Every structure is written in C-alpha cells, then in structure tokens.
C-alpha cells in the first residue's frame, strides 16, 4: 500500500521533492499546500494531487506523511503541529535558526513519538555514499583528514540571505553534516574566516559570501571546508578523504560524462548548473529512505539531532569569525 504524502511549499525545493516522490515506488503525492494558490494548483495538477490548507492536511485521514518545504521560520511550528497530528515528518533543514527553539521542537517530537527526518540530501548522493562505503570497508584505513569544496554558481538574492541564516547556518550546514557523516566523530573546535568578495550587498546584510572553515575532533582529526557564493564554472561539489592507508575522493559531476580530445586539447562538458540537477538522485534516494522508514516503523536518518549538531557548528563558525579565534562547540551548547 502506498504511503500518502502531502507537500507543504510549492516553490523551488518543493518542486524538487514532488519530482522525487513521483520517482519512488510506494509513495504518492496526494495534497499540496502553499501560501500562493497558483503555485499550489500548478504543482498539484502536475502530479494528480489536490490543493489543501495546512490545517486540512493535518486533519486528513488520507495523509500519512508531510514534506515541509516552507520558509525556515515556519519549520519548527509545522513540525510540532504534524507531530501532534500523528503524521510522519520530513523537513528541509534547518529546523530553526535558534538552538533553543530546535531543542524544544525536538522535545515535542519525542513526547509524541513522531517520525522526523531532516533533509540533508547529500548523504544520499551515490558518489558521496560510495566514499563513505569505502571508508567503512576499511580500504583507506583510519580517516585522518577530510576536504570539502562547496561553491554555488551565484549568490542568492538579498531577501534570501536575510531569512536563510547566512552562509554558515544555511549553506555550510550541508558540509558540516557531510563532515560528521564521513569522519564518524563529533567536532570539538571550529575555526572560521569569512569575507565579502562576491557581492557588497551581502556584507551590508551582515553575512559573508566566501568562507573557509577548519573543524577538529577531540582525537585531532580535521576537516577543511571551502565555501563560496560564486563559481563561474558551475556548481562545484567535491570531497576528498585522506586516511592512514590511502585516500578516496568524489569529483565534480556533469550532466554528460564525456571527454573530447582534439588538437585544441582535452575538453569536457560543463558542470551541473545547481543543486536541482546535481542532486536529483540524492533527493529521490532520501525520500525513498523516508518512505521505507515509515513502512518499517523505524526512525529515519538523518535525524533532528543531526540538524541540531550541524546548527551548533554553524553558530560556532559565526562566533569564530566575529572573535577571530577557534571556538569550542561546548561554548555553544
């Protein structure tokens, strides 16, 4: 029997998740809610679903689960509403930009025994998953250092910067989760630098568009992260993991993986233009994992706790830039 899913939010990421639901056997999109009726209607028609309000979805008997793709400042309230309504919940990161609010939300989820999965889709990318599988198989020995490069093709509009949480709590948070995923240890120290090199408007809003972050665990393992809001050559997503017996890496992906050799040299097609196409497989795989967890009655991963830990790293990075020093995660917690 199919898991019946409602989608909250019909914007850019909502469309990505609607496509992912359609690609997963055992899942069916039955309802769409959005503050803009035209957006909800267009997406609902495309997938044979109905348009409904959030309250109608919470009360609906034919909705097993919800996928939350609404603005960040609504996430915690919606998670709590649907936890109380007995629905399984998938929520795009972050739960909230306040650590205390995240903690209270997770307590509500626990009190109602709700299923909650957080949208760290990169864990489900087949290339990054293969990197982790290689680590778990012991082929590169003990992991010692991780390098993550994550650069967007262009900066988002100012309005997004103001509401998203900025480069550390919105963009780098995916890299924090990937670093934890690959190293298998919690980070105790964060040192970050931030600059405004792309768009002066970002600086006027109190954010940065270029950042370098070094994370260290108690045992001394390290992760370095390079973030930029501008990559003229496309969506830059790379990982390298160095271990005691070798290394494993995941290179940039292209829509077409070919190489042409002529008298002009070796040429390859451009990179993906952004996350919507680069992580298509990952979005489908994470929704599949969410549906399987519902069917099996298990708690899915990544969890709300994973979201909290990555948010703490983001707050530590902000504090590090402001105070120009390494910041212990215990200072944030």
C-alpha atoms as a PDB file:
ATOM      1  CA  UNK A   1       0.000   0.000   0.000  1.00  0.00           C
ATOM      2  CA  UNK A   2       1.365   3.389  -0.960  1.00  0.00           C
ATOM      3  CA  UNK A   3       2.474   5.947   1.600  1.00  0.00           C
ATOM      4  CA  UNK A   4       0.304   9.018   1.019  1.00  0.00           C
ATOM      5  CA  UNK A   5       2.317  12.220   1.171  1.00  0.00           C
ATOM      6  CA  UNK A   6       1.398  15.907   1.401  1.00  0.00           C
ATOM      7  CA  UNK A   7       3.779  18.632   0.309  1.00  0.00           C
ATOM      8  CA  UNK A   8       3.953  21.910   2.220  1.00  0.00           C
ATOM      9  CA  UNK A   9       5.512  24.506  -0.049  1.00  0.00           C
ATOM     10  CA  UNK A  10       5.390  24.550  -3.848  1.00  0.00           C
ATOM     11  CA  UNK A  11       8.472  26.654  -4.514  1.00  0.00           C
ATOM     12  CA  UNK A  12      11.827  25.617  -5.949  1.00  0.00           C
ATOM     13  CA  UNK A  13      12.677  22.908  -3.421  1.00  0.00           C
ATOM     14  CA  UNK A  14       9.028  21.808  -3.252  1.00  0.00           C
ATOM     15  CA  UNK A  15       9.112  21.074  -6.969  1.00  0.00           C
ATOM     16  CA  UNK A  16      12.288  19.046  -6.487  1.00  0.00           C
ATOM     17  CA  UNK A  17      10.616  16.947  -3.780  1.00  0.00           C
ATOM     18  CA  UNK A  18       7.431  16.499  -5.786  1.00  0.00           C
ATOM     19  CA  UNK A  19       9.549  15.010  -8.557  1.00  0.00           C
ATOM     20  CA  UNK A  20      11.330  12.799  -6.019  1.00  0.00           C
ATOM     21  CA  UNK A  21       8.024  11.494  -4.626  1.00  0.00           C
ATOM     22  CA  UNK A  22       6.929  10.632  -8.151  1.00  0.00           C
ATOM     23  CA  UNK A  23      10.142   8.654  -8.669  1.00  0.00           C
ATOM     24  CA  UNK A  24       9.701   6.486  -5.560  1.00  0.00           C
ATOM     25  CA  UNK A  25       7.674   3.285  -5.728  1.00  0.00           C
ATOM     26  CA  UNK A  26       5.314   3.099  -2.760  1.00  0.00           C
ATOM     27  CA  UNK A  27       4.831   6.866  -2.426  1.00  0.00           C
ATOM     28  CA  UNK A  28       2.031   9.049  -3.775  1.00  0.00           C
ATOM     29  CA  UNK A  29       1.615  12.808  -3.605  1.00  0.00           C
ATOM     30  CA  UNK A  30      -1.994  13.478  -2.583  1.00  0.00           C
ATOM     31  CA  UNK A  31      -2.047  17.102  -1.400  1.00  0.00           C
ATOM     32  CA  UNK A  32      -0.156  20.368  -1.830  1.00  0.00           C
ATOM     33  CA  UNK A  33      -0.294  23.489   0.340  1.00  0.00           C
ATOM     34  CA  UNK A  34       1.308  26.830  -0.427  1.00  0.00           C
ATOM     35  CA  UNK A  35       0.767  30.456   0.535  1.00  0.00           C
ATOM     36  CA  UNK A  36       0.423  31.202  -3.187  1.00  0.00           C
ATOM     37  CA  UNK A  37      -2.650  29.377  -4.565  1.00  0.00           C
ATOM     38  CA  UNK A  38      -1.406  29.474  -8.162  1.00  0.00           C
ATOM     39  CA  UNK A  39       1.834  27.693  -7.245  1.00  0.00           C
ATOM     40  CA  UNK A  40      -0.027  25.043  -5.261  1.00  0.00           C
ATOM     41  CA  UNK A  41      -2.532  24.471  -8.056  1.00  0.00           C
ATOM     42  CA  UNK A  42       0.129  24.120 -10.749  1.00  0.00           C
ATOM     43  CA  UNK A  43       2.127  21.560  -8.770  1.00  0.00           C
ATOM     44  CA  UNK A  44      -0.967  19.640  -7.645  1.00  0.00           C
ATOM     45  CA  UNK A  45      -2.233  19.341 -11.205  1.00  0.00           C
ATOM     46  CA  UNK A  46       1.133  18.107 -12.428  1.00  0.00           C
ATOM     47  CA  UNK A  47       1.039  15.161 -10.005  1.00  0.00           C
ATOM     48  CA  UNK A  48      -2.670  14.445  -9.721  1.00  0.00           C
ATOM     49  CA  UNK A  49      -2.914  15.805  -6.177  1.00  0.00           C
ATOM     50  CA  UNK A  50      -5.363  18.221  -4.549  1.00  0.00           C
ATOM     51  CA  UNK A  51      -4.779  21.662  -3.105  1.00  0.00           C
ATOM     52  CA  UNK A  52      -5.397  21.889   0.638  1.00  0.00           C
ATOM     53  CA  UNK A  53      -4.621  24.117   3.585  1.00  0.00           C
ATOM     54  CA  UNK A  54      -2.082  23.107   6.193  1.00  0.00           C
ATOM     55  CA  UNK A  55      -4.833  22.573   8.785  1.00  0.00           C
ATOM     56  CA  UNK A  56      -6.802  20.409   6.340  1.00  0.00           C
ATOM     57  CA  UNK A  57      -3.728  18.278   5.723  1.00  0.00           C
ATOM     58  CA  UNK A  58      -3.105  17.887   9.454  1.00  0.00           C
ATOM     59  CA  UNK A  59      -6.667  16.609   9.899  1.00  0.00           C
ATOM     60  CA  UNK A  60      -6.769  14.451   6.766  1.00  0.00           C
ATOM     61  CA  UNK A  61      -7.167  10.695   7.162  1.00  0.00           C
ATOM     62  CA  UNK A  62      -5.592  10.032   3.770  1.00  0.00           C
ATOM     63  CA  UNK A  63      -2.255  11.695   4.576  1.00  0.00           C
ATOM     64  CA  UNK A  64       0.425   9.530   6.193  1.00  0.00           C
ATOM     65  CA  UNK A  65       3.347  11.917   5.941  1.00  0.00           C
ATOM     66  CA  UNK A  66       4.271  15.500   5.150  1.00  0.00           C
ATOM     67  CA  UNK A  67       7.289  17.039   3.466  1.00  0.00           C
ATOM     68  CA  UNK A  68       7.981  20.550   4.744  1.00  0.00           C
ATOM     69  CA  UNK A  69       9.485  22.918   2.163  1.00  0.00           C
ATOM     70  CA  UNK A  70       8.187  26.195   3.567  1.00  0.00           C
ATOM     71  CA  UNK A  71      10.328  29.171   4.720  1.00  0.00           C
ATOM     72  CA  UNK A  72      12.786  28.473   7.528  1.00  0.00           C
ATOM     73  CA  UNK A  73      10.914  30.447  10.194  1.00  0.00           C
ATOM     74  CA  UNK A  74       7.867  28.146   9.828  1.00  0.00           C
ATOM     75  CA  UNK A  75       9.648  24.795  10.170  1.00  0.00           C
ATOM     76  CA  UNK A  76       9.582  24.311  13.941  1.00  0.00           C
ATOM     77  CA  UNK A  77       5.911  25.237  14.298  1.00  0.00           C
ATOM     78  CA  UNK A  78       4.912  22.921  11.443  1.00  0.00           C
ATOM     79  CA  UNK A  79       6.970  20.035  12.815  1.00  0.00           C
ATOM     80  CA  UNK A  80       5.216  20.380  16.156  1.00  0.00           C
ATOM     81  CA  UNK A  81       1.767  20.654  14.535  1.00  0.00           C
ATOM     82  CA  UNK A  82       2.217  17.492  12.494  1.00  0.00           C
ATOM     83  CA  UNK A  83       3.900  15.587  15.323  1.00  0.00           C
ATOM     84  CA  UNK A  84       0.762  16.212  17.367  1.00  0.00           C
ATOM     85  CA  UNK A  85      -1.376  15.203  14.366  1.00  0.00           C
ATOM     86  CA  UNK A  86       0.356  11.817  14.172  1.00  0.00           C
ATOM     87  CA  UNK A  87       1.944  12.341  10.751  1.00  0.00           C
ATOM     88  CA  UNK A  88       5.444  11.269   9.768  1.00  0.00           C
ATOM     89  CA  UNK A  89       7.529  14.356   9.009  1.00  0.00           C
ATOM     90  CA  UNK A  90      10.290  15.126   6.552  1.00  0.00           C
ATOM     91  CA  UNK A  91      11.610  18.674   6.900  1.00  0.00           C
ATOM     92  CA  UNK A  92      14.132  20.616   4.897  1.00  0.00           C
ATOM     93  CA  UNK A  93      16.955  21.961   7.018  1.00  0.00           C
ATOM     94  CA  UNK A  94      17.129  23.807   9.316  1.00  0.00           C
ATOM     95  CA  UNK A  95      14.501  23.131  11.941  1.00  0.00           C
ATOM     96  CA  UNK A  96      15.081  26.678  13.167  1.00  0.00           C
ATOM     97  CA  UNK A  97      17.936  29.166  13.446  1.00  0.00           C
ATOM     98  CA  UNK A  98      17.669  29.211  17.249  1.00  0.00           C
ATOM     99  CA  UNK A  99      19.335  26.341  19.084  1.00  0.00           C
ATOM    100  CA  UNK A 100      16.906  26.620  21.976  1.00  0.00           C
ATOM    101  CA  UNK A 101      13.918  26.557  19.618  1.00  0.00           C
ATOM    102  CA  UNK A 102      15.309  23.454  17.910  1.00  0.00           C
ATOM    103  CA  UNK A 103      15.702  21.725  21.257  1.00  0.00           C
ATOM    104  CA  UNK A 104      12.134  22.498  22.311  1.00  0.00           C
ATOM    105  CA  UNK A 105      10.825  21.314  18.943  1.00  0.00           C
ATOM    106  CA  UNK A 106      12.722  18.027  19.195  1.00  0.00           C
ATOM    107  CA  UNK A 107      11.305  17.536  22.683  1.00  0.00           C
ATOM    108  CA  UNK A 108       7.783  17.852  21.257  1.00  0.00           C
ATOM    109  CA  UNK A 109       8.643  15.293  18.574  1.00  0.00           C
ATOM    110  CA  UNK A 110       9.926  12.902  21.239  1.00  0.00           C
ATOM    111  CA  UNK A 111       6.927  13.472  23.513  1.00  0.00           C
ATOM    112  CA  UNK A 112       4.553  12.443  20.705  1.00  0.00           C
ATOM    113  CA  UNK A 113       6.686   9.582  19.415  1.00  0.00           C
ATOM    114  CA  UNK A 114       6.728  11.183  15.961  1.00  0.00           C
ATOM    115  CA  UNK A 115       8.864  10.192  12.995  1.00  0.00           C
ATOM    116  CA  UNK A 116      11.120  13.044  11.888  1.00  0.00           C
ATOM    117  CA  UNK A 117      13.728  13.054   9.129  1.00  0.00           C
ATOM    118  CA  UNK A 118      15.809  16.085   8.214  1.00  0.00           C
ATOM    119  CA  UNK A 119      16.743  16.974   4.634  1.00  0.00           C
ATOM    120  CA  UNK A 120      20.495  16.503   4.412  1.00  0.00           C
ATOM    121  CA  UNK A 121      20.216  15.093   0.909  1.00  0.00           C
ATOM    122  CA  UNK A 122      23.948  14.874   0.207  1.00  0.00           C
ATOM    123  CA  UNK A 123      24.232  11.778   2.392  1.00  0.00           C
ATOM    124  CA  UNK A 124      22.182  10.033  -0.284  1.00  0.00           C
ATOM    125  CA  UNK A 125      24.208  11.132  -3.276  1.00  0.00           C
ATOM    126  CA  UNK A 126      25.553   7.896  -4.856  1.00  0.00           C
ATOM    127  CA  UNK A 127      29.054   9.336  -5.233  1.00  0.00           C
ATOM    128  CA  UNK A 128      29.311  10.611  -1.662  1.00  0.00           C
ATOM    129  CA  UNK A 129      27.701   7.398  -0.389  1.00  0.00           C
ATOM    130  CA  UNK A 130      30.386   5.416  -2.224  1.00  0.00           C
ATOM    131  CA  UNK A 131      33.036   7.492  -0.442  1.00  0.00           C
ATOM    132  CA  UNK A 132      31.545   6.577   2.926  1.00  0.00           C
ATOM    133  CA  UNK A 133      31.194   2.918   1.940  1.00  0.00           C
ATOM    134  CA  UNK A 134      34.890   2.894   1.043  1.00  0.00           C
ATOM    135  CA  UNK A 135      35.705   4.305   4.493  1.00  0.00           C
ATOM    136  CA  UNK A 136      33.513   1.745   6.284  1.00  0.00           C
ATOM    137  CA  UNK A 137      35.116  -1.079   4.311  1.00  0.00           C
ATOM    138  CA  UNK A 138      38.478  -0.027   5.749  1.00  0.00           C
ATOM    139  CA  UNK A 139      40.104   0.435   2.361  1.00  0.00           C
ATOM    140  CA  UNK A 140      41.803   3.736   3.251  1.00  0.00           C
ATOM    141  CA  UNK A 141      42.469   2.837   6.897  1.00  0.00           C
ATOM    142  CA  UNK A 142      41.661   5.266   9.678  1.00  0.00           C
ATOM    143  CA  UNK A 143      40.253   8.571   8.448  1.00  0.00           C
ATOM    144  CA  UNK A 144      42.549  11.447   9.339  1.00  0.00           C
ATOM    145  CA  UNK A 145      41.584  14.442   7.194  1.00  0.00           C
ATOM    146  CA  UNK A 146      38.609  15.498   5.063  1.00  0.00           C
ATOM    147  CA  UNK A 147      38.467  18.278   2.477  1.00  0.00           C
ATOM    148  CA  UNK A 148      35.093  19.539   1.265  1.00  0.00           C
ATOM    149  CA  UNK A 149      34.621  22.070  -1.529  1.00  0.00           C
ATOM    150  CA  UNK A 150      31.124  23.508  -1.909  1.00  0.00           C
ATOM    151  CA  UNK A 151      30.663  26.549  -4.135  1.00  0.00           C
ATOM    152  CA  UNK A 152      27.423  27.873  -5.589  1.00  0.00           C
ATOM    153  CA  UNK A 153      27.323  29.189  -9.176  1.00  0.00           C
ATOM    154  CA  UNK A 154      25.981  32.535  -7.989  1.00  0.00           C
ATOM    155  CA  UNK A 155      24.812  34.436  -4.937  1.00  0.00           C
ATOM    156  CA  UNK A 156      21.146  34.291  -3.875  1.00  0.00           C
ATOM    157  CA  UNK A 157      19.018  37.459  -3.713  1.00  0.00           C
ATOM    158  CA  UNK A 158      19.316  39.689  -0.630  1.00  0.00           C
ATOM    159  CA  UNK A 159      15.899  38.634   0.650  1.00  0.00           C
ATOM    160  CA  UNK A 160      17.053  35.031   0.841  1.00  0.00           C
ATOM    161  CA  UNK A 161      20.227  35.993   2.690  1.00  0.00           C
ATOM    162  CA  UNK A 162      18.168  37.798   5.330  1.00  0.00           C
ATOM    163  CA  UNK A 163      15.853  34.859   6.065  1.00  0.00           C
ATOM    164  CA  UNK A 164      18.005  31.787   5.443  1.00  0.00           C
ATOM    165  CA  UNK A 165      20.530  32.094   8.231  1.00  0.00           C
ATOM    166  CA  UNK A 166      23.503  33.048   6.087  1.00  0.00           C
ATOM    167  CA  UNK A 167      26.474  31.187   4.696  1.00  0.00           C
ATOM    168  CA  UNK A 168      27.304  29.230   7.858  1.00  0.00           C
ATOM    169  CA  UNK A 169      23.811  28.213   9.016  1.00  0.00           C
ATOM    170  CA  UNK A 170      22.288  27.721   5.567  1.00  0.00           C
ATOM    171  CA  UNK A 171      24.967  26.828   3.014  1.00  0.00           C
ATOM    172  CA  UNK A 172      27.827  25.351   5.053  1.00  0.00           C
ATOM    173  CA  UNK A 173      25.414  23.387   7.238  1.00  0.00           C
ATOM    174  CA  UNK A 174      25.246  20.732   4.484  1.00  0.00           C
ATOM    175  CA  UNK A 175      29.027  20.462   4.636  1.00  0.00           C
ATOM    176  CA  UNK A 176      29.004  20.218   8.430  1.00  0.00           C
ATOM    177  CA  UNK A 177      26.637  17.274   8.173  1.00  0.00           C
ATOM    178  CA  UNK A 178      28.756  15.635   5.476  1.00  0.00           C
ATOM    179  CA  UNK A 179      31.883  16.118   7.592  1.00  0.00           C
ATOM    180  CA  UNK A 180      30.234  14.375  10.557  1.00  0.00           C
ATOM    181  CA  UNK A 181      28.904  11.667   8.221  1.00  0.00           C
ATOM    182  CA  UNK A 182      32.370  10.903   6.847  1.00  0.00           C
ATOM    183  CA  UNK A 183      34.564  11.323   9.938  1.00  0.00           C
ATOM    184  CA  UNK A 184      32.313   9.468  12.335  1.00  0.00           C
ATOM    185  CA  UNK A 185      33.382  11.674  15.242  1.00  0.00           C
ATOM    186  CA  UNK A 186      31.936  14.840  16.710  1.00  0.00           C
ATOM    187  CA  UNK A 187      33.844  18.082  16.274  1.00  0.00           C
ATOM    188  CA  UNK A 188      35.022  19.938  19.346  1.00  0.00           C
ATOM    189  CA  UNK A 189      36.659  23.011  17.801  1.00  0.00           C
ATOM    190  CA  UNK A 190      35.710  25.323  14.932  1.00  0.00           C
ATOM    191  CA  UNK A 191      37.891  27.976  13.325  1.00  0.00           C
ATOM    192  CA  UNK A 192      36.372  30.008  10.501  1.00  0.00           C
ATOM    193  CA  UNK A 193      37.169  33.016   8.365  1.00  0.00           C
ATOM    194  CA  UNK A 194      34.617  34.924   6.321  1.00  0.00           C
ATOM    195  CA  UNK A 195      34.919  37.595   3.624  1.00  0.00           C
ATOM    196  CA  UNK A 196      32.726  39.563   1.251  1.00  0.00           C
ATOM    197  CA  UNK A 197      34.296  39.086  -2.179  1.00  0.00           C
ATOM    198  CA  UNK A 198      31.268  38.487  -4.398  1.00  0.00           C
ATOM    199  CA  UNK A 199      28.501  40.976  -3.569  1.00  0.00           C
ATOM    200  CA  UNK A 200      28.826  44.003  -1.257  1.00  0.00           C
ATOM    201  CA  UNK A 201      25.091  43.786  -0.521  1.00  0.00           C
ATOM    202  CA  UNK A 202      25.697  40.506   1.289  1.00  0.00           C
ATOM    203  CA  UNK A 203      28.155  42.264   3.589  1.00  0.00           C
ATOM    204  CA  UNK A 204      25.673  45.069   4.266  1.00  0.00           C
ATOM    205  CA  UNK A 205      23.241  42.403   5.489  1.00  0.00           C
ATOM    206  CA  UNK A 206      25.823  41.147   7.977  1.00  0.00           C
ATOM    207  CA  UNK A 207      26.733  37.973   6.106  1.00  0.00           C
ATOM    208  CA  UNK A 208      29.680  36.637   4.129  1.00  0.00           C
ATOM    209  CA  UNK A 209      29.908  35.173   0.653  1.00  0.00           C
ATOM    210  CA  UNK A 210      33.306  33.465   0.943  1.00  0.00           C
ATOM    211  CA  UNK A 211      34.388  31.281   3.846  1.00  0.00           C
ATOM    212  CA  UNK A 212      36.994  28.782   4.965  1.00  0.00           C
ATOM    213  CA  UNK A 213      36.274  26.564   7.955  1.00  0.00           C
ATOM    214  CA  UNK A 214      38.512  24.137   9.850  1.00  0.00           C
ATOM    215  CA  UNK A 215      36.850  21.612  12.149  1.00  0.00           C
ATOM    216  CA  UNK A 216      38.766  19.458  14.618  1.00  0.00           C
ATOM    217  CA  UNK A 217      37.693  16.451  16.698  1.00  0.00           C
ATOM    218  CA  UNK A 218      38.943  15.569  20.179  1.00  0.00           C
ATOM    219  CA  UNK A 219      41.267  12.961  18.661  1.00  0.00           C
ATOM    220  CA  UNK A 220      42.768  15.524  16.277  1.00  0.00           C
ATOM    221  CA  UNK A 221      41.021  14.548  13.049  1.00  0.00           C
ATOM    222  CA  UNK A 222      40.456  17.527  10.802  1.00  0.00           C
ATOM    223  CA  UNK A 223      38.046  18.737   8.142  1.00  0.00           C
ATOM    224  CA  UNK A 224      38.596  21.810   5.993  1.00  0.00           C
ATOM    225  CA  UNK A 225      35.652  23.331   4.111  1.00  0.00           C
ATOM    226  CA  UNK A 226      35.793  25.881   1.284  1.00  0.00           C
ATOM    227  CA  UNK A 227      32.586  27.796   0.571  1.00  0.00           C
ATOM    228  CA  UNK A 228      31.860  30.476  -1.999  1.00  0.00           C
ATOM    229  CA  UNK A 229      28.704  32.053  -3.361  1.00  0.00           C
ATOM    230  CA  UNK A 230      30.338  32.339  -6.799  1.00  0.00           C
ATOM    231  CA  UNK A 231      31.796  29.711  -9.103  1.00  0.00           C
ATOM    232  CA  UNK A 232      31.852  30.985 -12.684  1.00  0.00           C
ATOM    233  CA  UNK A 233      32.368  27.446 -13.989  1.00  0.00           C
ATOM    234  CA  UNK A 234      29.263  25.833 -12.412  1.00  0.00           C
ATOM    235  CA  UNK A 235      28.119  24.089  -9.228  1.00  0.00           C
ATOM    236  CA  UNK A 236      31.343  22.959  -7.540  1.00  0.00           C
ATOM    237  CA  UNK A 237      30.901  19.932  -5.241  1.00  0.00           C
ATOM    238  CA  UNK A 238      33.971  17.873  -4.332  1.00  0.00           C
ATOM    239  CA  UNK A 239      35.149  15.712  -1.449  1.00  0.00           C
ATOM    240  CA  UNK A 240      38.481  14.116  -0.583  1.00  0.00           C
ATOM    241  CA  UNK A 241      39.053  11.871   2.435  1.00  0.00           C
ATOM    242  CA  UNK A 242      42.617  11.055   3.476  1.00  0.00           C
ATOM    243  CA  UNK A 243      43.282   8.013   5.632  1.00  0.00           C
ATOM    244  CA  UNK A 244      46.172   6.067   7.126  1.00  0.00           C
ATOM    245  CA  UNK A 245      46.263   3.653   4.159  1.00  0.00           C
ATOM    246  CA  UNK A 246      45.199   5.875   1.280  1.00  0.00           C
ATOM    247  CA  UNK A 247      42.568   8.318   0.099  1.00  0.00           C
ATOM    248  CA  UNK A 248      39.183   8.381  -1.616  1.00  0.00           C
ATOM    249  CA  UNK A 249      37.599  11.269  -3.466  1.00  0.00           C
ATOM    250  CA  UNK A 250      34.401  12.241  -5.254  1.00  0.00           C
ATOM    251  CA  UNK A 251      34.894  14.646  -8.128  1.00  0.00           C
ATOM    252  CA  UNK A 252      32.501  17.096  -9.712  1.00  0.00           C
ATOM    253  CA  UNK A 253      29.651  15.619 -11.724  1.00  0.00           C
ATOM    254  CA  UNK A 254      28.450  16.657 -15.170  1.00  0.00           C
ATOM    255  CA  UNK A 255      25.140  16.089 -16.948  1.00  0.00           C
ATOM    256  CA  UNK A 256      27.166  14.190 -19.568  1.00  0.00           C
ATOM    257  CA  UNK A 257      30.396  12.482 -18.524  1.00  0.00           C
ATOM    258  CA  UNK A 258      32.468  12.528 -21.696  1.00  0.00           C
ATOM    259  CA  UNK A 259      35.850  13.867 -22.713  1.00  0.00           C
ATOM    260  CA  UNK A 260      36.682  15.112 -26.211  1.00  0.00           C
ATOM    261  CA  UNK A 261      40.301  15.162 -27.352  1.00  0.00           C
ATOM    262  CA  UNK A 262      41.217  17.331 -30.362  1.00  0.00           C
ATOM    263  CA  UNK A 263      44.106  19.486 -31.496  1.00  0.00           C
ATOM    264  CA  UNK A 264      42.731  22.117 -29.088  1.00  0.00           C
ATOM    265  CA  UNK A 265      43.299  19.816 -26.124  1.00  0.00           C
ATOM    266  CA  UNK A 266      41.125  17.738 -23.820  1.00  0.00           C
ATOM    267  CA  UNK A 267      37.632  19.132 -23.316  1.00  0.00           C
ATOM    268  CA  UNK A 268      34.787  18.084 -21.025  1.00  0.00           C
ATOM    269  CA  UNK A 269      31.200  19.369 -20.765  1.00  0.00           C
ATOM    270  CA  UNK A 270      30.371  21.994 -18.099  1.00  0.00           C
ATOM    271  CA  UNK A 271      29.324  21.114 -14.562  1.00  0.00           C
ATOM    272  CA  UNK A 272      25.722  20.968 -13.385  1.00  0.00           C
ATOM    273  CA  UNK A 273      24.322  24.465 -13.021  1.00  0.00           C
ATOM    274  CA  UNK A 274      22.905  23.998  -9.490  1.00  0.00           C
ATOM    275  CA  UNK A 275      21.623  21.573  -6.879  1.00  0.00           C
ATOM    276  CA  UNK A 276      18.313  20.803  -8.606  1.00  0.00           C
ATOM    277  CA  UNK A 277      20.064  18.748 -11.286  1.00  0.00           C
ATOM    278  CA  UNK A 278      23.279  17.806  -9.439  1.00  0.00           C
ATOM    279  CA  UNK A 279      21.435  16.028  -6.628  1.00  0.00           C
ATOM    280  CA  UNK A 280      18.438  14.571  -8.481  1.00  0.00           C
ATOM    281  CA  UNK A 281      19.377  11.007  -7.486  1.00  0.00           C
ATOM    282  CA  UNK A 282      20.051  12.068  -3.909  1.00  0.00           C
ATOM    283  CA  UNK A 283      16.625  13.681  -3.491  1.00  0.00           C
ATOM    284  CA  UNK A 284      14.885  10.559  -4.782  1.00  0.00           C
ATOM    285  CA  UNK A 285      17.014   8.311  -2.552  1.00  0.00           C
ATOM    286  CA  UNK A 286      16.325  10.313   0.607  1.00  0.00           C
ATOM    287  CA  UNK A 287      12.561  10.289   0.006  1.00  0.00           C
ATOM    288  CA  UNK A 288      12.779   6.553  -0.636  1.00  0.00           C
ATOM    289  CA  UNK A 289      14.590   6.130   2.697  1.00  0.00           C
ATOM    290  CA  UNK A 290      11.924   8.244   4.413  1.00  0.00           C
ATOM    291  CA  UNK A 291       9.087   6.133   2.964  1.00  0.00           C
ATOM    292  CA  UNK A 292      10.860   2.886   3.874  1.00  0.00           C
ATOM    293  CA  UNK A 293      11.299   4.075   7.464  1.00  0.00           C
ATOM    294  CA  UNK A 294       7.558   4.778   7.666  1.00  0.00           C
ATOM    295  CA  UNK A 295       6.712   1.371   6.226  1.00  0.00           C
ATOM    296  CA  UNK A 296       9.132  -0.416   8.569  1.00  0.00           C
ATOM    297  CA  UNK A 297       8.214   1.601  11.656  1.00  0.00           C
ATOM    298  CA  UNK A 298      11.811   2.741  12.195  1.00  0.00           C
ATOM    299  CA  UNK A 299      13.330   6.137  12.843  1.00  0.00           C
ATOM    300  CA  UNK A 300      14.870   7.553   9.672  1.00  0.00           C
ATOM    301  CA  UNK A 301      18.262   9.184   9.331  1.00  0.00           C
ATOM    302  CA  UNK A 302      19.375  11.996   9.287  1.00  0.00           C
ATOM    303  CA  UNK A 303      17.524  12.874  12.472  1.00  0.00           C
ATOM    304  CA  UNK A 304      16.576  16.104  14.137  1.00  0.00           C
ATOM    305  CA  UNK A 305      19.622  15.653  16.371  1.00  0.00           C
ATOM    306  CA  UNK A 306      21.818  15.669  13.283  1.00  0.00           C
ATOM    307  CA  UNK A 307      20.277  19.002  12.363  1.00  0.00           C
ATOM    308  CA  UNK A 308      20.924  20.365  15.846  1.00  0.00           C
ATOM    309  CA  UNK A 309      24.585  19.324  15.813  1.00  0.00           C
ATOM    310  CA  UNK A 310      25.184  20.930  12.427  1.00  0.00           C
ATOM    311  CA  UNK A 311      23.468  24.132  13.591  1.00  0.00           C
ATOM    312  CA  UNK A 312      25.781  24.231  16.615  1.00  0.00           C
ATOM    313  CA  UNK A 313      28.773  24.044  14.253  1.00  0.00           C
ATOM    314  CA  UNK A 314      27.285  26.909  12.244  1.00  0.00           C
ATOM    315  CA  UNK A 315      26.890  29.042  15.359  1.00  0.00           C
ATOM    316  CA  UNK A 316      30.460  28.221  16.389  1.00  0.00           C
ATOM    317  CA  UNK A 317      31.683  29.307  12.938  1.00  0.00           C
ATOM    318  CA  UNK A 318      29.850  32.632  13.249  1.00  0.00           C
ATOM    319  CA  UNK A 319      31.361  33.212  16.671  1.00  0.00           C
ATOM    320  CA  UNK A 320      34.796  32.274  15.371  1.00  0.00           C
ATOM    321  CA  UNK A 321      34.650  34.824  12.551  1.00  0.00           C
ATOM    322  CA  UNK A 322      33.383  37.540  14.878  1.00  0.00           C
ATOM    323  CA  UNK A 323      36.012  36.899  17.560  1.00  0.00           C
ATOM    324  CA  UNK A 324      38.861  35.781  15.282  1.00  0.00           C
ATOM    325  CA  UNK A 325      39.635  32.682  17.272  1.00  0.00           C
ATOM    326  CA  UNK A 326      38.956  28.972  17.463  1.00  0.00           C
ATOM    327  CA  UNK A 327      35.666  28.291  19.225  1.00  0.00           C
ATOM    328  CA  UNK A 328      34.847  25.166  21.200  1.00  0.00           C
ATOM    329  CA  UNK A 329      31.466  23.618  20.464  1.00  0.00           C
ATOM    330  CA  UNK A 330      30.919  23.387  24.220  1.00  0.00           C
ATOM    331  CA  UNK A 331      30.770  27.192  24.240  1.00  0.00           C
ATOM    332  CA  UNK A 332      27.692  26.994  22.004  1.00  0.00           C
ATOM    333  CA  UNK A 333      25.922  24.081  23.652  1.00  0.00           C
END
